């Protein structure tokens, strides 16, 4: 199969083709020619308005539902949504039932993406049945394709479990993923603890519930060695702690979610359950610190923290609603509002090898792993732009800059039906 992309502006700060307009010819999944004009006949020709392309994007925290919660999202539609939103690689959370705590369950998810444009890289559960007390068969799941180990949005209350996990995973280069929210300080909390949560009569979660856990985890990492990833930093204190840990050359990485750099607690509409997100959206000062951390590299990744929930879990009182918002479809347009195009693409494509995901350059002979987009189209995000099965989205009504045309991964490609 061949694909010819016409007059595409390449955005890749690592390449001497950065911001140059080229034709690109792909055959059997590999780039075979890059030139000003290519007139070769091709089975698939892509000609789109103001088309730009970059290396394929990665999202480090995506939830679907299947297996177990197919009413939220199926793997097939979730992968189609990811590919249409520009992501050729997603790190999939063990947010499913039964938990992802054995070789066969990890292998099942890997197989599901073999013939799709988006590759699944599973995070496996750290403990058996996510029980927080007995380590799962981590090395066996690593062999099946797991790129990290953590019990999804469950803090490790037993410090000895984290110590043992870090010591054990050192033997095979595994990365432990720790959700940093103190279980007792955050109990029954639904918003950031502040005057706003008090005015709404809702129990808050203080910022120290995050920083206390981060400090503990860094201390244990410093003692044991190993690799650790903290998936959702939300506070200025958290950014400072990560920055200091990196200065000590600890192998620590971190991410922040799209919602936490887009909104502050002042932006949350009264009792809109789409804004019930855990960990909670914090202050404007925290939001600014998170952006600075992303720009200077203290925070390694920005994630959509895509969490679909069907209407039955959202159309209830705020206290009882399931926490989470979908975000893959709106991620690029929201990022272009806040960063330069070059920085946006840098954030979406950087540090793939930390999770052992191949980073394919845009050059002749390389595997085609590309995202196609138009960075200049302005529009207002609405229900019609949602491709996910669940529609719980905090970003509805936002003014976005930039649309995604689709993605290419080897000999497979997906075009976004909304824009192509």
Protein backbone atom coordinates (compact mmCIF):
# COMPACT_ATOMS: atom_id res chain seq x y z
CA UNK A 1 0.00 0.00 0.00
CA UNK A 2 1.19 3.52 -0.77
CA UNK A 3 0.26 6.92 0.64
CA UNK A 4 1.24 10.26 -0.90
CA UNK A 5 0.92 13.34 1.31
CA UNK A 6 0.99 16.53 -0.74
CA UNK A 7 2.40 19.93 0.32
CA UNK A 8 2.69 19.21 4.03
CA UNK A 9 4.56 21.52 6.39
CA UNK A 10 6.80 19.40 8.58
CA UNK A 11 6.96 20.39 12.26
CA UNK A 12 9.91 18.63 13.90
CA UNK A 13 12.47 20.62 15.89
CA UNK A 14 14.87 17.64 15.73
CA UNK A 15 14.96 17.71 11.92
CA UNK A 16 16.52 20.02 9.34
CA UNK A 17 13.13 19.80 7.58
CA UNK A 18 11.47 21.77 10.39
CA UNK A 19 8.76 24.09 8.96
CA UNK A 20 9.60 23.13 5.37
CA UNK A 21 6.80 22.21 2.96
CA UNK A 22 7.31 18.82 1.30
CA UNK A 23 5.57 15.93 -0.43
CA UNK A 24 6.02 12.64 1.42
CA UNK A 25 5.64 9.20 -0.15
CA UNK A 26 5.00 6.15 2.03
CA UNK A 27 5.16 2.58 0.74
CA UNK A 28 4.44 -0.54 2.78
CA UNK A 29 4.61 1.45 5.98
CA UNK A 30 7.95 3.21 5.38
CA UNK A 31 8.87 6.69 4.14
CA UNK A 32 10.52 6.20 0.74
CA UNK A 33 10.73 9.78 -0.52
CA UNK A 34 10.58 13.35 0.76
CA UNK A 35 10.78 16.05 -1.88
CA UNK A 36 9.38 19.40 -2.98
CA UNK A 37 7.18 17.67 -5.56
CA UNK A 38 6.48 13.94 -5.96
CA UNK A 39 4.39 12.95 -8.97
CA UNK A 40 4.40 9.19 -8.42
CA UNK A 41 1.00 7.51 -8.58
CA UNK A 42 -0.27 6.33 -5.22
CA UNK A 43 -3.21 4.29 -3.97
CA UNK A 44 -3.98 6.95 -1.37
CA UNK A 45 -3.36 10.63 -1.93
CA UNK A 46 -3.84 13.06 0.97
CA UNK A 47 -4.44 16.68 -0.06
CA UNK A 48 -5.86 18.84 2.71
CA UNK A 49 -6.05 22.54 3.52
CA UNK A 50 -2.96 23.91 5.33
CA UNK A 51 -1.81 20.39 6.18
CA UNK A 52 1.03 20.06 8.69
CA UNK A 53 2.60 16.88 10.02
CA UNK A 54 4.82 15.79 12.87
CA UNK A 55 6.09 12.62 14.46
CA UNK A 56 3.21 10.60 15.89
CA UNK A 57 1.81 11.86 19.19
CA UNK A 58 1.72 9.97 22.49
CA UNK A 59 -0.77 10.19 25.37
CA UNK A 60 0.49 8.78 28.68
CA UNK A 61 -2.84 8.30 30.47
CA UNK A 62 -5.91 6.99 28.65
CA UNK A 63 -8.82 4.96 30.02
CA UNK A 64 -11.45 3.19 27.95
CA UNK A 65 -13.50 0.64 29.89
CA UNK A 66 -13.24 -2.64 28.06
CA UNK A 67 -12.86 -5.22 29.42
CA UNK A 68 -15.59 -4.94 32.02
CA UNK A 69 -16.96 -1.44 31.45
CA UNK A 70 -17.89 -1.48 27.77
CA UNK A 71 -20.78 0.93 28.45
CA UNK A 72 -18.14 3.63 28.95
CA UNK A 73 -16.05 2.88 25.87
CA UNK A 74 -15.06 -0.11 23.79
CA UNK A 75 -11.49 -0.72 22.73
CA UNK A 76 -12.37 -0.48 19.03
CA UNK A 77 -14.09 2.92 19.27
CA UNK A 78 -11.55 4.17 21.78
CA UNK A 79 -8.69 3.35 19.43
CA UNK A 80 -10.53 4.99 16.53
CA UNK A 81 -11.00 8.11 18.66
CA UNK A 82 -7.31 8.13 19.60
CA UNK A 83 -6.15 7.75 15.99
CA UNK A 84 -8.57 10.43 14.77
CA UNK A 85 -7.26 12.71 17.52
CA UNK A 86 -3.65 12.27 16.36
CA UNK A 87 -2.30 9.71 18.82
CA UNK A 88 -0.29 6.86 17.33
CA UNK A 89 0.63 5.63 20.83
CA UNK A 90 -1.41 5.57 24.01
CA UNK A 91 -0.47 4.32 27.45
CA UNK A 92 -3.64 2.57 28.59
CA UNK A 93 -4.58 2.54 32.26
CA UNK A 94 -5.65 -0.64 34.09
CA UNK A 95 -9.06 0.99 34.57
CA UNK A 96 -10.96 -2.18 33.80
CA UNK A 97 -12.56 -5.27 35.33
CA UNK A 98 -10.97 -7.69 36.01
CA UNK A 99 -7.75 -5.84 36.91
CA UNK A 100 -4.75 -6.06 34.61
CA UNK A 101 -2.63 -8.20 36.91
CA UNK A 102 -1.37 -11.13 34.80
CA UNK A 103 0.45 -11.94 31.57
CA UNK A 104 -2.60 -12.96 29.53
CA UNK A 105 -4.62 -9.83 30.30
CA UNK A 106 -1.74 -7.59 29.21
CA UNK A 107 -1.23 -9.66 26.08
CA UNK A 108 -4.96 -9.38 25.31
CA UNK A 109 -4.76 -5.56 25.22
CA UNK A 110 -1.59 -5.59 23.12
CA UNK A 111 -3.25 -7.85 20.54
CA UNK A 112 -6.27 -5.54 20.31
CA UNK A 113 -4.16 -2.81 18.68
CA UNK A 114 -2.20 -4.96 16.25
CA UNK A 115 -4.32 -3.93 13.26
CA UNK A 116 -5.13 -0.36 14.27
CA UNK A 117 -3.43 2.98 13.69
CA UNK A 118 -2.93 3.55 17.42
CA UNK A 119 -0.67 1.26 19.44
CA UNK A 120 -1.71 0.29 22.98
CA UNK A 121 1.04 0.26 25.61
CA UNK A 122 -0.58 -1.09 28.78
CA UNK A 123 0.09 -0.09 32.36
CA UNK A 124 -0.38 -3.23 34.46
CA UNK A 125 -1.55 -3.32 38.04
CA UNK A 126 1.20 -3.14 40.64
CA UNK A 127 -0.62 -5.45 43.05
CA UNK A 128 -2.80 -8.52 42.63
CA UNK A 129 -6.42 -7.55 42.11
CA UNK A 130 -5.32 -3.96 42.87
CA UNK A 131 -5.41 -4.92 46.56
CA UNK A 132 -2.45 -2.67 47.50
CA UNK A 133 -0.81 -5.43 49.50
CA UNK A 134 0.54 -8.25 47.27
CA UNK A 135 2.81 -7.48 44.32
CA UNK A 136 1.60 -8.87 41.02
CA UNK A 137 3.83 -10.85 38.62
CA UNK A 138 5.57 -7.72 37.37
CA UNK A 139 8.37 -9.24 35.32
CA UNK A 140 5.98 -11.65 33.59
CA UNK A 141 3.72 -8.74 32.64
CA UNK A 142 6.74 -6.77 31.41
CA UNK A 143 7.44 -9.66 29.02
CA UNK A 144 3.82 -9.40 27.80
CA UNK A 145 4.28 -5.72 26.96
CA UNK A 146 3.49 -3.70 30.11
CA UNK A 147 5.34 -0.36 30.13
CA UNK A 148 4.72 0.46 33.79
CA UNK A 149 3.07 -0.80 36.97
CA UNK A 150 0.54 1.01 39.12
CA UNK A 151 -2.91 0.59 40.63
CA UNK A 152 -4.96 3.17 38.76
CA UNK A 153 -5.70 6.22 40.95
CA UNK A 154 -5.07 4.28 44.13
CA UNK A 155 -2.33 5.60 46.36
CA UNK A 156 0.21 3.20 47.82
CA UNK A 157 -0.58 3.51 51.52
CA UNK A 158 1.97 0.90 52.60
CA UNK A 159 5.42 2.43 52.11
CA UNK A 160 7.08 -0.99 52.25
CA UNK A 161 5.15 -2.06 49.13
CA UNK A 162 6.63 0.86 47.18
CA UNK A 163 10.12 0.12 48.55
CA UNK A 164 9.92 -3.55 47.56
CA UNK A 165 8.43 -2.72 44.13
CA UNK A 166 11.23 -0.26 43.33
CA UNK A 167 13.91 -2.70 44.45
CA UNK A 168 12.39 -5.56 42.45
CA UNK A 169 11.74 -3.63 39.22
CA UNK A 170 15.38 -2.45 39.16
CA UNK A 171 16.33 -5.98 38.08
CA UNK A 172 14.53 -5.60 34.73
CA UNK A 173 14.18 -1.84 34.24
CA UNK A 174 10.49 -1.57 35.13
CA UNK A 175 8.87 1.73 36.03
CA UNK A 176 6.58 2.06 39.05
CA UNK A 177 3.64 4.47 38.68
CA UNK A 178 2.49 6.09 41.91
CA UNK A 179 -0.74 8.03 42.39
CA UNK A 180 0.16 10.75 44.88
CA UNK A 181 -2.91 11.60 46.91
CA UNK A 182 -2.99 10.86 50.63
CA UNK A 183 -5.90 8.51 51.19
CA UNK A 184 -6.86 9.97 54.55
CA UNK A 185 -6.44 13.69 53.80
CA UNK A 186 -8.47 13.31 50.62
CA UNK A 187 -11.22 11.01 51.94
CA UNK A 188 -14.63 11.97 50.49
CA UNK A 189 -13.11 15.10 48.94
CA UNK A 190 -14.41 16.23 45.55
CA UNK A 191 -12.83 19.68 44.93
CA UNK A 192 -9.70 21.61 45.85
CA UNK A 193 -9.91 22.65 49.50
CA UNK A 194 -10.40 26.42 49.46
CA UNK A 195 -12.98 29.15 49.91
CA UNK A 196 -14.67 27.91 46.71
CA UNK A 197 -15.28 24.40 48.02
CA UNK A 198 -16.58 25.95 51.26
CA UNK A 199 -18.99 28.23 49.41
CA UNK A 200 -20.34 25.26 47.45
CA UNK A 201 -20.68 23.17 50.59
CA UNK A 202 -18.47 20.41 49.14
CA UNK A 203 -15.63 18.64 50.92
CA UNK A 204 -12.23 19.72 49.69
CA UNK A 205 -8.92 17.97 49.09
CA UNK A 206 -5.96 20.02 50.41
CA UNK A 207 -2.83 20.49 48.29
CA UNK A 208 -0.73 18.83 50.99
CA UNK A 209 -2.48 15.54 50.22
CA UNK A 210 -0.37 15.52 47.04
CA UNK A 211 2.91 17.01 48.26
CA UNK A 212 3.14 14.72 51.32
CA UNK A 213 2.91 11.63 49.10
CA UNK A 214 5.32 13.01 46.50
CA UNK A 215 7.88 13.78 49.22
CA UNK A 216 7.55 10.27 50.67
CA UNK A 217 7.88 8.61 47.26
CA UNK A 218 10.96 10.66 46.39
CA UNK A 219 12.56 9.72 49.71
CA UNK A 220 11.92 6.02 49.05
CA UNK A 221 13.20 6.34 45.46
CA UNK A 222 16.37 8.04 46.74
CA UNK A 223 16.91 5.15 49.15
CA UNK A 224 16.18 2.25 46.77
CA UNK A 225 16.98 3.51 43.31
CA UNK A 226 14.76 2.37 40.45
CA UNK A 227 12.34 4.24 38.24
CA UNK A 228 9.18 6.07 39.21
CA UNK A 229 6.48 7.98 37.32
CA UNK A 230 3.99 10.31 38.99
CA UNK A 231 1.06 10.65 36.59
CA UNK A 232 -0.91 13.71 37.72
CA UNK A 233 0.89 16.67 39.28
CA UNK A 234 -1.60 19.39 40.27
CA UNK A 235 0.22 21.75 42.65
CA UNK A 236 3.11 24.22 42.70
CA UNK A 237 4.56 22.27 45.62
CA UNK A 238 4.50 19.13 43.51
CA UNK A 239 6.36 20.81 40.65
CA UNK A 240 9.04 22.09 43.04
CA UNK A 241 9.53 18.64 44.56
CA UNK A 242 9.90 17.01 41.12
CA UNK A 243 12.36 19.72 40.06
CA UNK A 244 14.55 19.15 43.12
CA UNK A 245 14.43 15.37 42.65
CA UNK A 246 15.63 15.69 39.08
CA UNK A 247 18.52 17.89 40.21
CA UNK A 248 19.60 14.91 42.36
CA UNK A 249 19.58 12.74 39.19
CA UNK A 250 16.82 10.48 40.45
CA UNK A 251 15.04 8.54 37.69
CA UNK A 252 11.69 10.28 38.14
CA UNK A 253 9.18 11.40 35.54
CA UNK A 254 5.86 13.16 35.86
CA UNK A 255 2.86 14.28 33.87
CA UNK A 256 0.08 16.82 34.19
CA UNK A 257 -3.42 16.61 32.75
CA UNK A 258 -5.02 18.83 30.16
CA UNK A 259 -7.74 19.95 32.60
CA UNK A 260 -5.20 21.08 35.19
CA UNK A 261 -3.43 23.47 32.80
CA UNK A 262 -6.67 24.68 31.20
CA UNK A 263 -8.81 25.48 34.25
CA UNK A 264 -8.43 26.77 37.76
CA UNK A 265 -10.98 26.23 40.51
CA UNK A 266 -12.50 29.63 39.64
CA UNK A 267 -13.54 28.25 36.24
CA UNK A 268 -15.63 25.38 37.60
CA UNK A 269 -19.35 25.96 36.96
CA UNK A 270 -21.50 25.32 40.01
CA UNK A 271 -22.06 21.57 40.41
CA UNK A 272 -21.20 20.68 36.78
CA UNK A 273 -20.15 17.05 37.25
CA UNK A 274 -17.94 17.09 34.14
CA UNK A 275 -15.59 19.20 36.28
CA UNK A 276 -15.46 16.61 39.02
CA UNK A 277 -11.94 15.44 38.33
CA UNK A 278 -9.58 13.58 40.66
CA UNK A 279 -7.05 14.82 41.57
CA UNK A 280 -8.96 18.11 41.69
CA UNK A 281 -8.43 21.24 39.64
CA UNK A 282 -6.40 23.63 41.80
CA UNK A 283 -5.67 27.37 42.01
CA UNK A 284 -4.64 29.74 39.24
CA UNK A 285 -1.15 29.89 40.75
CA UNK A 286 -0.91 26.10 40.61
CA UNK A 287 -2.11 26.12 37.00
CA UNK A 288 0.62 28.59 36.01
CA UNK A 289 3.30 26.54 37.78
CA UNK A 290 2.21 23.43 35.91
CA UNK A 291 2.56 25.21 32.56
CA UNK A 292 6.01 26.49 33.51
CA UNK A 293 7.00 22.96 34.50
CA UNK A 294 5.89 21.62 31.14
CA UNK A 295 7.80 24.31 29.26
CA UNK A 296 11.08 23.89 31.14
CA UNK A 297 10.86 20.07 31.13
CA UNK A 298 10.38 19.53 34.87
CA UNK A 299 7.10 17.87 33.94
CA UNK A 300 7.77 15.39 31.16
CA UNK A 301 4.30 14.82 29.71
CA UNK A 302 0.91 16.40 29.16
CA UNK A 303 -1.91 13.87 29.14
CA UNK A 304 -5.56 14.16 28.15
CA UNK A 305 -6.36 12.01 31.23
CA UNK A 306 -9.15 10.67 29.02
CA UNK A 307 -11.76 9.07 31.30
CA UNK A 308 -15.09 8.21 29.66
CA UNK A 309 -18.16 7.69 31.82
CA UNK A 310 -21.69 7.01 30.63
CA UNK A 311 -24.46 9.44 31.55
CA UNK A 312 -25.71 7.30 34.45
CA UNK A 313 -22.45 7.98 36.29
CA UNK A 314 -22.47 11.72 35.59
CA UNK A 315 -26.09 12.87 35.70
CA UNK A 316 -26.25 12.63 39.50
CA UNK A 317 -25.45 14.97 42.40
CA UNK A 318 -21.84 16.19 42.46
CA UNK A 319 -20.80 14.12 45.49
CA UNK A 320 -22.00 10.89 43.88
CA UNK A 321 -20.74 11.49 40.32
CA UNK A 322 -17.82 9.44 38.99
CA UNK A 323 -14.75 11.66 38.56
CA UNK A 324 -13.36 12.20 35.08
CA UNK A 325 -13.62 13.91 31.70
CA UNK A 326 -12.77 12.85 28.17
CA UNK A 327 -10.09 14.93 26.49
CA UNK A 328 -8.36 13.36 23.48
CA UNK A 329 -10.57 15.06 20.87
CA UNK A 330 -9.93 18.58 22.21
CA UNK A 331 -6.31 18.24 23.33
CA UNK A 332 -4.50 19.69 20.32
CA UNK A 333 -6.80 22.69 19.94
CA UNK A 334 -6.51 23.57 23.62
CA UNK A 335 -2.72 23.22 23.61
CA UNK A 336 -2.38 25.55 20.63
CA UNK A 337 -4.22 28.18 22.68
CA UNK A 338 -1.55 28.00 25.38
CA UNK A 339 1.76 27.15 23.71
CA UNK A 340 3.57 27.91 20.48
CA UNK A 341 3.08 25.31 17.76
CA UNK A 342 6.65 24.08 18.09
CA UNK A 343 6.31 23.67 21.88
CA UNK A 344 2.93 21.95 21.46
CA UNK A 345 4.44 19.36 19.12
CA UNK A 346 7.49 18.98 21.35
CA UNK A 347 5.27 18.16 24.35
CA UNK A 348 3.14 15.70 22.34
CA UNK A 349 6.13 13.78 20.98
CA UNK A 350 8.89 13.95 23.58
CA UNK A 351 10.42 11.31 25.85
CA UNK A 352 8.77 8.29 24.23
CA UNK A 353 11.78 6.10 24.96
CA UNK A 354 11.27 6.51 28.71
CA UNK A 355 8.32 4.13 28.25
CA UNK A 356 10.25 2.10 25.65
CA UNK A 357 8.12 3.42 22.79
CA UNK A 358 9.95 3.87 19.50
CA UNK A 359 10.38 7.44 18.28
CA UNK A 360 10.49 7.29 14.50
CA UNK A 361 12.15 10.30 12.78
CA UNK A 362 10.71 11.91 9.66
CA UNK A 363 13.29 10.75 7.14
CA UNK A 364 13.62 8.39 4.19
CA UNK A 365 13.87 4.78 5.36
CA UNK A 366 12.06 5.36 8.63
CA UNK A 367 8.79 3.74 9.61
CA UNK A 368 5.90 6.10 8.95
CA UNK A 369 4.61 7.26 12.32
CA UNK A 370 2.97 10.61 11.68
CA UNK A 371 0.21 12.93 12.85
CA UNK A 372 -1.57 15.23 10.38
CA UNK A 373 -3.13 18.53 11.45
CA UNK A 374 -4.07 22.12 10.62
CA UNK A 375 -2.83 24.42 13.43
CA UNK A 376 -4.69 27.53 12.32
CA UNK A 377 -8.38 26.60 12.19
CA UNK A 378 -10.47 28.23 14.94
CA UNK A 379 -13.74 26.72 16.16
CA UNK A 380 -15.86 26.19 19.25
CA UNK A 381 -15.76 22.69 20.67
CA UNK A 382 -19.21 21.10 20.88
CA UNK A 383 -20.96 17.72 21.11
CA UNK A 384 -20.56 17.14 17.38
CA UNK A 385 -16.77 17.08 17.77
CA UNK A 386 -16.87 14.21 20.30
CA UNK A 387 -16.00 10.82 18.84
CA UNK A 388 -16.00 8.93 22.15
CA UNK A 389 -18.99 6.82 23.13
CA UNK A 390 -19.30 8.72 26.42
CA UNK A 391 -19.82 12.48 26.26
CA UNK A 392 -18.62 13.61 29.70
CA UNK A 393 -16.40 16.51 28.64
CA UNK A 394 -15.27 19.51 30.68
CA UNK A 395 -14.07 21.29 27.53
CA UNK A 396 -17.45 21.72 25.82
CA UNK A 397 -17.92 25.33 24.74
CA UNK A 398 -14.16 26.05 24.71
CA UNK A 399 -12.72 28.05 21.81
CA UNK A 400 -10.04 25.94 20.14
CA UNK A 401 -7.28 26.68 17.67
CA UNK A 402 -6.18 23.78 15.53
CA UNK A 403 -7.78 20.60 14.19
CA UNK A 404 -6.40 17.08 13.71
CA UNK A 405 -6.73 15.47 10.29
CA UNK A 406 -5.64 12.04 11.45
CA UNK A 407 -2.61 9.79 11.87
CA UNK A 408 -0.45 7.23 10.08
CA UNK A 409 1.31 4.28 11.70
CA UNK A 410 3.19 1.99 9.34
CA UNK A 411 0.82 0.81 6.63
CA UNK A 412 -2.29 1.81 8.60
CA UNK A 413 -3.88 5.25 8.62
CA UNK A 414 -6.99 6.93 10.02
CA UNK A 415 -8.47 10.23 8.87
CA UNK A 416 -10.72 12.24 11.14
CA UNK A 417 -14.18 12.18 9.50
CA UNK A 418 -15.03 15.58 11.00
CA UNK A 419 -12.33 17.45 9.09
CA UNK A 420 -11.46 15.36 6.01
